[in-house]
C-alpha atoms as a PDB file:
ATOM      1  CA  MET A   1       0.000   0.000   0.000  1.00  0.00           C
ATOM      2  CA  ARG A   2       1.242   3.489  -0.923  1.00  0.00           C
ATOM      3  CA  PHE A   3       0.282   6.752   0.734  1.00  0.00           C
ATOM      4  CA  GLY A   4      -0.420  10.313  -0.340  1.00  0.00           C
ATOM      5  CA  MET A   5      -1.279  13.286   1.855  1.00  0.00           C
ATOM      6  CA  PHE A   6      -3.394  16.379   1.325  1.00  0.00           C
ATOM      7  CA  ILE A   7      -1.703  19.707   1.915  1.00  0.00           C
ATOM      8  CA  PRO A   8      -4.079  22.050   3.779  1.00  0.00           C
ATOM      9  CA  GLN A   9      -5.092  24.831   1.405  1.00  0.00           C
ATOM     10  CA  GLY A  10      -8.090  26.298   3.207  1.00  0.00           C
ATOM     11  CA  TRP A  11     -10.950  24.548   1.394  1.00  0.00           C
ATOM     12  CA  ARG A  12     -11.861  22.508   4.458  1.00  0.00           C
ATOM     13  CA  LEU A  13     -11.314  25.392   6.891  1.00  0.00           C
ATOM     14  CA  ASP A  14      -7.862  24.064   7.718  1.00  0.00           C
ATOM     15  CA  LEU A  15      -5.952  27.380   7.540  1.00  0.00           C
ATOM     16  CA  VAL A  16      -8.244  29.239   9.936  1.00  0.00           C
ATOM     17  CA  GLY A  17      -6.257  31.476  12.267  1.00  0.00           C
ATOM     18  CA  ILE A  18      -3.194  31.671  10.007  1.00  0.00           C
ATOM     19  CA  ASP A  19      -2.669  35.072   8.410  1.00  0.00           C
ATOM     20  CA  SER A  20      -2.931  35.020   4.624  1.00  0.00           C
ATOM     21  CA  SER A  21       0.637  36.294   4.370  1.00  0.00           C
ATOM     22  CA  GLU A  22       1.822  33.170   6.228  1.00  0.00           C
ATOM     23  CA  GLN A  23      -0.319  30.502   4.577  1.00  0.00           C
ATOM     24  CA  TRP A  24       2.006  29.749   1.685  1.00  0.00           C
ATOM     25  CA  ALA A  25       4.890  29.215   4.097  1.00  0.00           C
ATOM     26  CA  VAL A  26       2.775  26.684   6.007  1.00  0.00           C
ATOM     27  CA  MET A  27       1.700  24.819   2.863  1.00  0.00           C
ATOM     28  CA  ASN A  28       5.192  24.880   1.381  1.00  0.00           C
ATOM     29  CA  GLY A  29       6.726  23.708   4.645  1.00  0.00           C
ATOM     30  CA  LEU A  30       4.454  20.667   4.756  1.00  0.00           C
ATOM     31  CA  ALA A  31       5.169  19.893   1.099  1.00  0.00           C
ATOM     32  CA  ARG A  32       8.932  20.072   1.653  1.00  0.00           C
ATOM     33  CA  ARG A  33       8.605  17.946   4.774  1.00  0.00           C
ATOM     34  CA  ALA A  34       6.761  15.243   2.811  1.00  0.00           C
ATOM     35  CA  ASP A  35       9.279  15.496  -0.030  1.00  0.00           C
ATOM     36  CA  ASP A  36      12.273  15.141   2.274  1.00  0.00           C
ATOM     37  CA  GLY A  37      11.098  11.903   3.873  1.00  0.00           C
ATOM     38  CA  ASP A  38      10.211   8.567   2.334  1.00  0.00           C
ATOM     39  CA  ALA A  39       6.825   7.915   3.951  1.00  0.00           C
ATOM     40  CA  TRP A  40       4.743   9.724   1.346  1.00  0.00           C
ATOM     41  CA  ASP A  41       4.512   8.812  -2.324  1.00  0.00           C
ATOM     42  CA  SER A  42       2.455  11.872  -3.279  1.00  0.00           C
ATOM     43  CA  LEU A  43       0.964  15.153  -2.088  1.00  0.00           C
ATOM     44  CA  TRP A  44      -2.458  16.469  -3.078  1.00  0.00           C
ATOM     45  CA  VAL A  45      -4.671  19.540  -3.087  1.00  0.00           C
ATOM     46  CA  TYR A  46      -8.370  20.013  -3.786  1.00  0.00           C
ATOM     47  CA  ASP A  47      -9.672  21.834  -6.866  1.00  0.00           C
ATOM     48  CA  HIS A  48     -12.190  24.178  -5.262  1.00  0.00           C
ATOM     49  CA  PHE A  49     -12.723  27.917  -4.998  1.00  0.00           C
ATOM     50  CA  HIS A  50     -15.041  28.233  -1.973  1.00  0.00           C
ATOM     51  CA  THR A  51     -14.902  26.562   1.434  1.00  0.00           C
ATOM     52  CA  VAL A  52     -17.098  23.671   2.546  1.00  0.00           C
ATOM     53  CA  PRO A  53     -19.519  22.718   3.966  1.00  0.00           C
ATOM     54  CA  LEU A  54     -20.648  26.329   3.448  1.00  0.00           C
ATOM     55  CA  PRO A  55     -19.010  29.180   1.534  1.00  0.00           C
ATOM     56  CA  THR A  56     -17.144  31.526   3.862  1.00  0.00           C
ATOM     57  CA  ASP A  57     -14.604  34.304   3.400  1.00  0.00           C
ATOM     58  CA  GLU A  58     -11.815  32.016   4.628  1.00  0.00           C
ATOM     59  CA  ALA A  59      -8.959  31.231   2.241  1.00  0.00           C
ATOM     60  CA  THR A  60      -9.173  28.622  -0.517  1.00  0.00           C
ATOM     61  CA  HIS A  61      -5.985  28.553  -2.593  1.00  0.00           C
ATOM     62  CA  GLU A  62      -6.224  27.582  -6.279  1.00  0.00           C
ATOM     63  CA  ALA A  63      -5.116  24.061  -7.137  1.00  0.00           C
ATOM     64  CA  TRP A  64      -3.107  24.442 -10.340  1.00  0.00           C
ATOM     65  CA  SER A  65      -1.210  27.485  -9.090  1.00  0.00           C
ATOM     66  CA  LEU A  66      -0.170  25.318  -6.162  1.00  0.00           C
ATOM     67  CA  MET A  67       0.776  22.480  -8.503  1.00  0.00           C
ATOM     68  CA  SER A  68       3.333  24.652 -10.290  1.00  0.00           C
ATOM     69  CA  ALA A  69       4.670  26.051  -7.030  1.00  0.00           C
ATOM     70  CA  PHE A  70       5.068  22.595  -5.498  1.00  0.00           C
ATOM     71  CA  ALA A  71       6.601  21.345  -8.743  1.00  0.00           C
ATOM     72  CA  ALA A  72       9.344  23.953  -8.438  1.00  0.00           C
ATOM     73  CA  GLY A  73       9.836  23.529  -4.693  1.00  0.00           C
ATOM     74  CA  THR A  74      10.044  19.729  -4.379  1.00  0.00           C
ATOM     75  CA  SER A  75      12.187  17.124  -6.092  1.00  0.00           C
ATOM     76  CA  ARG A  76      10.845  13.607  -5.401  1.00  0.00           C
ATOM     77  CA  ILE A  77       7.213  13.444  -4.445  1.00  0.00           C
ATOM     78  CA  LYS A  78       4.348  13.044  -6.937  1.00  0.00           C
ATOM     79  CA  LEU A  79       1.886  15.961  -7.172  1.00  0.00           C
ATOM     80  CA  GLY A  80      -1.865  15.650  -7.681  1.00  0.00           C
ATOM     81  CA  GLN A  81      -5.289  17.229  -7.293  1.00  0.00           C
ATOM     82  CA  MET A  82      -8.301  15.331  -5.996  1.00  0.00           C
ATOM     83  CA  CYS A  83      -9.846  16.245  -8.103  1.00  0.00           C
ATOM     84  CA  THR A  84      -9.748  18.785 -10.918  1.00  0.00           C
ATOM     85  CA  ALA A  85     -13.254  19.680 -12.129  1.00  0.00           C
ATOM     86  CA  MET A  86     -13.301  19.250 -15.894  1.00  0.00           C
ATOM     87  CA  SER A  87     -15.669  22.102 -16.659  1.00  0.00           C
ATOM     88  CA  TYR A  88     -13.679  24.706 -14.721  1.00  0.00           C
ATOM     89  CA  ARG A  89     -11.077  24.894 -17.523  1.00  0.00           C
ATOM     90  CA  ASN A  90     -11.118  24.155 -21.231  1.00  0.00           C
ATOM     91  CA  PRO A  91      -9.652  20.638 -21.474  1.00  0.00           C
ATOM     92  CA  VAL A  92      -6.950  21.362 -24.049  1.00  0.00           C
ATOM     93  CA  TYR A  93      -5.908  24.424 -22.048  1.00  0.00           C
ATOM     94  CA  LEU A  94      -5.828  22.203 -18.959  1.00  0.00           C
ATOM     95  CA  ALA A  95      -3.707  19.688 -20.867  1.00  0.00           C
ATOM     96  CA  LYS A  96      -1.247  22.497 -21.615  1.00  0.00           C
ATOM     97  CA  VAL A  97      -1.192  23.698 -17.998  1.00  0.00           C
ATOM     98  CA  ALA A  98      -0.618  20.181 -16.707  1.00  0.00           C
ATOM     99  CA  ALA A  99       2.107  19.467 -19.278  1.00  0.00           C
ATOM    100  CA  THR A 100       3.962  22.625 -18.254  1.00  0.00           C
ATOM    101  CA  ALA A 101       3.681  21.693 -14.584  1.00  0.00           C
ATOM    102  CA  ASP A 102       4.975  18.216 -15.429  1.00  0.00           C
ATOM    103  CA  ILE A 103       8.024  19.759 -17.127  1.00  0.00           C
ATOM    104  CA  ILE A 104       8.666  21.983 -14.098  1.00  0.00           C
ATOM    105  CA  SER A 105       8.392  18.982 -11.761  1.00  0.00           C
ATOM    106  CA  GLY A 106      10.632  16.704 -13.794  1.00  0.00           C
ATOM    107  CA  GLY A 107       7.742  14.334 -14.566  1.00  0.00           C
ATOM    108  CA  ARG A 108       5.794  14.042 -11.294  1.00  0.00           C
ATOM    109  CA  ILE A 109       2.306  15.452 -12.008  1.00  0.00           C
ATOM    110  CA  GLN A 110      -0.788  13.272 -11.548  1.00  0.00           C
ATOM    111  CA  MET A 111      -4.134  14.282 -13.076  1.00  0.00           C
ATOM    112  CA  GLY A 112      -7.013  13.726 -10.695  1.00  0.00           C
ATOM    113  CA  ILE A 113     -10.119  14.535 -12.735  1.00  0.00           C
ATOM    114  CA  GLY A 114     -13.858  14.465 -12.173  1.00  0.00           C
ATOM    115  CA  ALA A 115     -17.142  15.993 -13.294  1.00  0.00           C
ATOM    116  CA  GLY A 116     -17.440  18.543 -10.454  1.00  0.00           C
ATOM    117  CA  TRP A 117     -20.255  18.837  -7.922  1.00  0.00           C
ATOM    118  CA  TYR A 118     -20.103  21.972  -5.713  1.00  0.00           C
ATOM    119  CA  GLU A 119     -23.042  23.936  -7.098  1.00  0.00           C
ATOM    120  CA  HIS A 120     -22.431  27.139  -5.167  1.00  0.00           C
ATOM    121  CA  GLU A 121     -18.980  27.747  -6.615  1.00  0.00           C
ATOM    122  CA  TRP A 122     -20.091  26.734 -10.126  1.00  0.00           C
ATOM    123  CA  ARG A 123     -22.755  29.430 -10.105  1.00  0.00           C
ATOM    124  CA  ALA A 124     -20.642  31.981  -8.272  1.00  0.00           C
ATOM    125  CA  TYR A 125     -17.909  31.735 -10.906  1.00  0.00           C
ATOM    126  CA  GLY A 126     -20.360  31.981 -13.790  1.00  0.00           C
ATOM    127  CA  TYR A 127     -20.268  28.373 -14.987  1.00  0.00           C
ATOM    128  CA  GLY A 128     -23.969  27.747 -14.423  1.00  0.00           C
ATOM    129  CA  PHE A 129     -24.642  24.257 -13.130  1.00  0.00           C
ATOM    130  CA  PRO A 130     -25.432  21.806 -15.932  1.00  0.00           C
ATOM    131  CA  PRO A 131     -27.210  18.562 -15.065  1.00  0.00           C
ATOM    132  CA  ALA A 132     -25.059  15.605 -14.071  1.00  0.00           C
ATOM    133  CA  ARG A 133     -25.496  13.981 -17.482  1.00  0.00           C
ATOM    134  CA  GLU A 134     -23.869  16.961 -19.192  1.00  0.00           C
ATOM    135  CA  ARG A 135     -21.089  17.315 -16.631  1.00  0.00           C
ATOM    136  CA  LEU A 136     -20.207  13.642 -17.077  1.00  0.00           C
ATOM    137  CA  ALA A 137     -20.312  13.913 -20.854  1.00  0.00           C
ATOM    138  CA  ARG A 138     -17.842  16.796 -20.639  1.00  0.00           C
ATOM    139  CA  LEU A 139     -15.626  14.638 -18.443  1.00  0.00           C
ATOM    140  CA  ASP A 140     -15.624  11.841 -21.015  1.00  0.00           C
ATOM    141  CA  GLU A 141     -14.783  14.172 -23.911  1.00  0.00           C
ATOM    142  CA  GLY A 142     -12.226  16.152 -21.945  1.00  0.00           C
ATOM    143  CA  VAL A 143     -10.309  13.071 -20.839  1.00  0.00           C
ATOM    144  CA  GLN A 144     -10.014  11.961 -24.455  1.00  0.00           C
ATOM    145  CA  ILE A 145      -8.685  15.382 -25.454  1.00  0.00           C
ATOM    146  CA  MET A 146      -6.068  15.423 -22.702  1.00  0.00           C
ATOM    147  CA  ARG A 147      -4.960  11.852 -23.403  1.00  0.00           C
ATOM    148  CA  ASP A 148      -4.480  12.553 -27.104  1.00  0.00           C
ATOM    149  CA  ALA A 149      -2.771  15.898 -26.506  1.00  0.00           C
ATOM    150  CA  TRP A 150      -0.226  14.364 -24.146  1.00  0.00           C
ATOM    151  CA  ARG A 151       0.386  11.363 -26.372  1.00  0.00           C
ATOM    152  CA  ASP A 152       0.647  13.146 -29.722  1.00  0.00           C
ATOM    153  CA  GLY A 153       1.490  16.766 -28.896  1.00  0.00           C
ATOM    154  CA  ARG A 154      -1.291  17.934 -31.185  1.00  0.00           C
ATOM    155  CA  VAL A 155      -5.010  17.272 -30.917  1.00  0.00           C
ATOM    156  CA  SER A 156      -8.233  17.770 -32.876  1.00  0.00           C
ATOM    157  CA  PHE A 157     -11.601  16.749 -31.494  1.00  0.00           C
ATOM    158  CA  ASP A 158     -15.169  17.393 -32.600  1.00  0.00           C
ATOM    159  CA  GLY A 159     -17.470  16.527 -29.752  1.00  0.00           C
ATOM    160  CA  ARG A 160     -20.828  17.658 -28.512  1.00  0.00           C
ATOM    161  CA  HIS A 161     -19.321  19.810 -25.765  1.00  0.00           C
ATOM    162  CA  TYR A 162     -15.739  20.469 -26.865  1.00  0.00           C
ATOM    163  CA  GLN A 163     -14.196  21.249 -30.235  1.00  0.00           C
ATOM    164  CA  VAL A 164     -10.442  21.426 -30.740  1.00  0.00           C
ATOM    165  CA  ASP A 165      -8.810  22.102 -34.113  1.00  0.00           C
ATOM    166  CA  GLY A 166      -5.123  21.250 -34.315  1.00  0.00           C
ATOM    167  CA  ALA A 167      -4.215  22.494 -30.839  1.00  0.00           C
ATOM    168  CA  ILE A 168      -0.500  22.072 -30.164  1.00  0.00           C
ATOM    169  CA  VAL A 169       0.619  20.958 -26.708  1.00  0.00           C
ATOM    170  CA  ALA A 170       4.384  21.289 -26.864  1.00  0.00           C
ATOM    171  CA  PRO A 171       6.410  20.311 -25.072  1.00  0.00           C
ATOM    172  CA  LYS A 172       4.568  17.165 -24.151  1.00  0.00           C
ATOM    173  CA  PRO A 173       4.699  15.905 -20.564  1.00  0.00           C
ATOM    174  CA  LEU A 174       7.908  14.154 -19.583  1.00  0.00           C
ATOM    175  CA  GLN A 175       6.090  11.021 -18.445  1.00  0.00           C
ATOM    176  CA  GLU A 176       5.896   8.267 -21.021  1.00  0.00           C
ATOM    177  CA  ASN A 177       2.327   7.888 -22.326  1.00  0.00           C
ATOM    178  CA  GLY A 178       1.372  11.181 -20.694  1.00  0.00           C
ATOM    179  CA  ILE A 179       0.245  12.193 -17.224  1.00  0.00           C
ATOM    180  CA  PRO A 180      -1.474   9.408 -15.226  1.00  0.00           C
ATOM    181  CA  LEU A 181      -5.245   9.829 -15.009  1.00  0.00           C
ATOM    182  CA  TRP A 182      -6.970   9.397 -11.652  1.00  0.00           C
ATOM    183  CA  ILE A 183     -10.682   9.413 -12.461  1.00  0.00           C
ATOM    184  CA  ALA A 184     -12.499  10.138  -9.229  1.00  0.00           C
ATOM    185  CA  GLY A 185     -16.057   9.458  -8.212  1.00  0.00           C
ATOM    186  CA  GLY A 186     -18.355   6.524  -7.680  1.00  0.00           C
ATOM    187  CA  GLY A 187     -21.158   7.102 -10.170  1.00  0.00           C
ATOM    188  CA  GLU A 188     -21.895   3.556 -11.217  1.00  0.00           C
ATOM    189  CA  LYS A 189     -23.421   3.965 -14.670  1.00  0.00           C
ATOM    190  CA  VAL A 190     -21.198   6.668 -16.150  1.00  0.00           C
ATOM    191  CA  THR A 191     -18.216   7.718 -14.004  1.00  0.00           C
ATOM    192  CA  LEU A 192     -16.952   4.203 -13.414  1.00  0.00           C
ATOM    193  CA  LYS A 193     -17.414   3.362 -17.075  1.00  0.00           C
ATOM    194  CA  ILE A 194     -15.279   6.390 -17.976  1.00  0.00           C
ATOM    195  CA  ALA A 195     -12.709   5.173 -15.452  1.00  0.00           C
ATOM    196  CA  ALA A 196     -12.733   1.706 -16.992  1.00  0.00           C
ATOM    197  CA  LYS A 197     -12.024   3.196 -20.418  1.00  0.00           C
ATOM    198  CA  TYR A 198      -9.310   5.710 -19.570  1.00  0.00           C
ATOM    199  CA  ALA A 199      -8.023   5.630 -15.975  1.00  0.00           C
ATOM    200  CA  GLN A 200      -4.775   4.331 -14.576  1.00  0.00           C
ATOM    201  CA  TYR A 201      -6.181   5.020 -11.082  1.00  0.00           C
ATOM    202  CA  THR A 202      -9.632   5.309  -9.551  1.00  0.00           C
ATOM    203  CA  ASN A 203     -10.564   6.982  -6.285  1.00  0.00           C
ATOM    204  CA  PHE A 204     -13.400   5.886  -4.020  1.00  0.00           C
ATOM    205  CA  SER A 205     -14.756   6.496  -0.550  1.00  0.00           C
ATOM    206  CA  GLY A 206     -12.788   4.931   2.283  1.00  0.00           C
ATOM    207  CA  ASP A 207     -15.870   3.135   3.604  1.00  0.00           C
ATOM    208  CA  PRO A 208     -15.052  -0.578   3.206  1.00  0.00           C
ATOM    209  CA  GLU A 209     -18.519  -1.661   2.085  1.00  0.00           C
ATOM    210  CA  GLN A 210     -18.706   1.145  -0.464  1.00  0.00           C
ATOM    211  CA  PHE A 211     -15.174   0.450  -1.648  1.00  0.00           C
ATOM    212  CA  ALA A 212     -15.963  -3.223  -2.221  1.00  0.00           C
ATOM    213  CA  HIS A 213     -19.197  -2.430  -4.046  1.00  0.00           C
ATOM    214  CA  LYS A 214     -17.645   0.201  -6.336  1.00  0.00           C
ATOM    215  CA  SER A 215     -14.792  -2.189  -7.091  1.00  0.00           C
ATOM    216  CA  ARG A 216     -17.257  -4.823  -8.270  1.00  0.00           C
ATOM    217  CA  VAL A 217     -19.010  -2.281 -10.481  1.00  0.00           C
ATOM    218  CA  LEU A 218     -15.685  -1.142 -11.935  1.00  0.00           C
ATOM    219  CA  ALA A 219     -14.746  -4.752 -12.667  1.00  0.00           C
ATOM    220  CA  GLY A 220     -17.965  -5.184 -14.620  1.00  0.00           C
ATOM    221  CA  HIS A 221     -17.286  -2.087 -16.718  1.00  0.00           C
ATOM    222  CA  CYS A 222     -13.723  -3.247 -17.369  1.00  0.00           C
ATOM    223  CA  ASP A 223     -15.107  -6.530 -18.694  1.00  0.00           C
ATOM    224  CA  ASP A 224     -17.522  -4.624 -20.924  1.00  0.00           C
ATOM    225  CA  VAL A 225     -14.909  -2.296 -22.472  1.00  0.00           C
ATOM    226  CA  GLY A 226     -12.020  -4.788 -22.572  1.00  0.00           C
ATOM    227  CA  THR A 227      -9.801  -3.183 -19.936  1.00  0.00           C
ATOM    228  CA  ASP A 228      -7.561  -5.188 -17.603  1.00  0.00           C
ATOM    229  CA  TYR A 229      -9.236  -4.574 -14.242  1.00  0.00           C
ATOM    230  CA  ASP A 230      -6.103  -5.554 -12.325  1.00  0.00           C
ATOM    231  CA  ALA A 231      -4.110  -2.844 -14.136  1.00  0.00           C
ATOM    232  CA  VAL A 232      -6.308  -0.080 -12.640  1.00  0.00           C
ATOM    233  CA  VAL A 233      -5.016   0.994  -9.227  1.00  0.00           C
ATOM    234  CA  ARG A 234      -7.888   1.511  -6.803  1.00  0.00           C
ATOM    235  CA  SER A 235      -7.349   4.249  -4.235  1.00  0.00           C
ATOM    236  CA  ALA A 236      -9.378   5.859  -1.457  1.00  0.00           C
ATOM    237  CA  ASN A 237      -9.432   9.155   0.408  1.00  0.00           C
ATOM    238  CA  ILE A 238      -9.550   9.038   4.205  1.00  0.00           C
ATOM    239  CA  ASN A 239      -9.708  11.551   7.029  1.00  0.00           C
ATOM    240  CA  VAL A 240      -7.111  10.944   9.725  1.00  0.00           C
ATOM    241  CA  VAL A 241      -7.563  11.946  13.349  1.00  0.00           C
ATOM    242  CA  ILE A 242      -5.118   9.777  15.263  1.00  0.00           C
ATOM    243  CA  ALA A 243      -3.721   9.820  18.798  1.00  0.00           C
ATOM    244  CA  ASP A 244      -2.292   7.392  21.340  1.00  0.00           C
ATOM    245  CA  THR A 245      -5.551   7.109  23.285  1.00  0.00           C
ATOM    246  CA  GLU A 246      -9.240   7.303  22.479  1.00  0.00           C
ATOM    247  CA  ALA A 247      -9.563  10.206  24.912  1.00  0.00           C
ATOM    248  CA  GLU A 248      -6.968  12.155  22.933  1.00  0.00           C
ATOM    249  CA  VAL A 249      -8.814  11.385  19.701  1.00  0.00           C
ATOM    250  CA  ASP A 250     -12.028  12.741  21.213  1.00  0.00           C
ATOM    251  CA  ALA A 251     -10.170  15.848  22.389  1.00  0.00           C
ATOM    252  CA  ARG A 252      -8.887  16.515  18.879  1.00  0.00           C
ATOM    253  CA  LEU A 253     -12.361  16.153  17.428  1.00  0.00           C
ATOM    254  CA  ALA A 254     -13.680  18.535  20.076  1.00  0.00           C
ATOM    255  CA  HIS A 255     -11.004  21.050  19.099  1.00  0.00           C
ATOM    256  CA  LEU A 256     -12.120  20.831  15.464  1.00  0.00           C
ATOM    257  CA  ARG A 257     -15.688  21.533  16.541  1.00  0.00           C
ATOM    258  CA  GLY A 258     -14.440  24.691  18.184  1.00  0.00           C
ATOM    259  CA  VAL A 259     -12.731  25.802  14.970  1.00  0.00           C
ATOM    260  CA  TYR A 260     -15.634  25.070  12.618  1.00  0.00           C
ATOM    261  CA  SER A 261     -18.683  26.090  14.638  1.00  0.00           C
ATOM    262  CA  PRO A 262     -18.156  29.892  14.657  1.00  0.00           C
ATOM    263  CA  LEU A 263     -17.792  29.812  10.863  1.00  0.00           C
ATOM    264  CA  VAL A 264     -20.499  27.402   9.678  1.00  0.00           C
ATOM    265  CA  GLY A 265     -22.769  26.789  12.673  1.00  0.00           C
ATOM    266  CA  ASP A 266     -23.418  23.797  14.870  1.00  0.00           C
ATOM    267  CA  ALA A 267     -25.358  21.614  12.420  1.00  0.00           C
ATOM    268  CA  ALA A 268     -22.777  21.822   9.634  1.00  0.00           C
ATOM    269  CA  THR A 269     -19.993  21.400  12.174  1.00  0.00           C
ATOM    270  CA  GLU A 270     -21.502  18.191  13.525  1.00  0.00           C
ATOM    271  CA  SER A 271     -21.786  16.829  10.003  1.00  0.00           C
ATOM    272  CA  MET A 272     -18.112  17.602   9.364  1.00  0.00           C
ATOM    273  CA  VAL A 273     -16.924  16.028  12.600  1.00  0.00           C
ATOM    274  CA  THR A 274     -19.120  12.956  12.104  1.00  0.00           C
ATOM    275  CA  ALA A 275     -17.506  12.484   8.686  1.00  0.00           C
ATOM    276  CA  MET A 276     -14.104  12.422  10.401  1.00  0.00           C
ATOM    277  CA  ARG A 277     -15.008   9.194  12.208  1.00  0.00           C
ATOM    278  CA  GLY A 278     -13.965   6.819   9.462  1.00  0.00           C
ATOM    279  CA  PRO A 279     -11.265   4.186   9.032  1.00  0.00           C
ATOM    280  CA  GLY A 280      -8.447   6.713   9.557  1.00  0.00           C
ATOM    281  CA  THR A 281      -9.625   7.841  12.982  1.00  0.00           C
ATOM    282  CA  GLY A 282      -8.678   6.208  16.275  1.00  0.00           C
ATOM    283  CA  THR A 283      -5.594   4.932  18.046  1.00  0.00           C
ATOM    284  CA  PRO A 284      -2.751   3.513  15.915  1.00  0.00           C
ATOM    285  CA  GLU A 285      -3.900  -0.039  16.572  1.00  0.00           C
ATOM    286  CA  GLN A 286      -7.489   0.793  15.592  1.00  0.00           C
ATOM    287  CA  VAL A 287      -6.449   2.657  12.450  1.00  0.00           C
ATOM    288  CA  ILE A 288      -4.106  -0.132  11.317  1.00  0.00           C
ATOM    289  CA  GLY A 289      -6.881  -2.689  11.715  1.00  0.00           C
ATOM    290  CA  GLN A 290      -9.411  -0.554   9.862  1.00  0.00           C
ATOM    291  CA  LEU A 291      -7.056   0.248   6.987  1.00  0.00           C
ATOM    292  CA  ALA A 292      -5.885  -3.363   6.721  1.00  0.00           C
ATOM    293  CA  ARG A 293      -9.462  -4.237   5.840  1.00  0.00           C
ATOM    294  CA  LEU A 294      -9.360  -1.766   2.946  1.00  0.00           C
ATOM    295  CA  LYS A 295      -6.049  -3.234   1.842  1.00  0.00           C
ATOM    296  CA  ASP A 296      -7.569  -6.718   1.842  1.00  0.00           C
ATOM    297  CA  LEU A 297     -10.345  -5.410  -0.424  1.00  0.00           C
ATOM    298  CA  GLY A 298      -7.782  -4.349  -3.020  1.00  0.00           C
ATOM    299  CA  CYS A 299      -7.114  -0.747  -2.010  1.00  0.00           C
ATOM    300  CA  GLU A 300      -3.526  -0.134  -3.082  1.00  0.00           C
ATOM    301  CA  TYR A 301      -3.289   3.586  -2.385  1.00  0.00           C
ATOM    302  CA  LEU A 302      -4.570   5.850   0.403  1.00  0.00           C
ATOM    303  CA  ILE A 303      -4.687   9.640   0.238  1.00  0.00           C
ATOM    304  CA  CYS A 304      -4.833  10.997   3.772  1.00  0.00           C
ATOM    305  CA  TYR A 305      -6.310  14.259   5.004  1.00  0.00           C
ATOM    306  CA  PHE A 306      -5.119  15.509   8.402  1.00  0.00           C
ATOM    307  CA  PRO A 307      -7.520  18.314   9.409  1.00  0.00           C
ATOM    308  CA  ASP A 308      -5.092  19.852  11.909  1.00  0.00           C
ATOM    309  CA  ALA A 309      -1.843  19.468   9.942  1.00  0.00           C
ATOM    310  CA  ALA A 310      -1.374  23.212   9.396  1.00  0.00           C
ATOM    311  CA  HIS A 311      -1.348  23.790  13.151  1.00  0.00           C
ATOM    312  CA  ASP A 312      -0.191  20.562  14.782  1.00  0.00           C
ATOM    313  CA  HIS A 313       2.056  17.801  13.393  1.00  0.00           C
ATOM    314  CA  ARG A 314       1.513  15.265  16.162  1.00  0.00           C
ATOM    315  CA  GLY A 315      -1.113  13.224  14.344  1.00  0.00           C
ATOM    316  CA  LEU A 316       0.865  13.342  11.107  1.00  0.00           C
ATOM    317  CA  GLU A 317       4.018  12.173  12.863  1.00  0.00           C
ATOM    318  CA  LEU A 318       2.202   9.355  14.690  1.00  0.00           C
ATOM    319  CA  PHE A 319       0.675   8.109  11.421  1.00  0.00           C
ATOM    320  CA  GLU A 320       4.077   8.155   9.752  1.00  0.00           C
ATOM    321  CA  ARG A 321       5.703   6.346  12.641  1.00  0.00           C
ATOM    322  CA  ALA A 322       3.095   3.722  13.468  1.00  0.00           C
ATOM    323  CA  VAL A 323       0.657   3.215  10.600  1.00  0.00           C
ATOM    324  CA  ILE A 324       2.553   3.546   7.316  1.00  0.00           C
ATOM    325  CA  PRO A 325       5.256   0.982   8.210  1.00  0.00           C
ATOM    326  CA  ALA A 326       2.580  -1.527   9.214  1.00  0.00           C
ATOM    327  CA  LEU A 327       0.777  -1.333   5.870  1.00  0.00           C
ATOM    328  CA  SER A 328       3.451  -0.472   3.314  1.00  0.00           C
END
């Protein structure tokens, strides 16, 4: 099992209390820390513009700007977004942006890509909010455009949603066969079929039952389209709140309540904190047992979100020391 970590960028209210002039130093410091060690295979950011679970005036730093900055400031670690919303950028333009970032990084960019879902920021930024069918159709067309652009350096495409006429993407990415595609989402009829056709990686919920079910659906789509199911790496995102004792875990969750509640209210706060109680939360022994179950189900890659990492490294350090060695 390999491990990636999210760098706090504000989207999940994880830079609250840090002055905007200091936030880049915090993000960059965590990225360099991950790059310097050998515990983490990748670092990740979210592609969002407004905070969740409700829009606030708190910071949310833009994903692809961070990709280029991390590409220049690190030397080993892979760099991804979980996940880029296809409709936020023209796909051939996005292919060009990603190829440039890959050059800067020396060939370490990963393309997490999905259809997008956060209606408030769609409308706020003037994108409207097309129905899911259209958003997924754009995802399918856009992935084809990016794949061909990275492979051939020039792309033409005449689709229902996107038209490209001899667009040149030069230089191409450094990675052979282009930038790896992580197609995220669990939509069973469309998203997972797109993943079966084009993805090198998928990304599911960390809930074991859901992970097992989505894996079975993906396997069926792979059979239908003639893809080798075993060649698609299945990954999951997890929240991590870890401490030596259950009482310390509860104290950390209580602290998060205190951060979130003044900004989004008690009901939204409780929903956020409840969502933290997944397979990555507990004592080291509990977390290892919970994640071993995911590993047994075929999860080869975990991307970990530490809600307090910008302020406190204790949970991050404990996970690195106790959990990663047990599952790697």
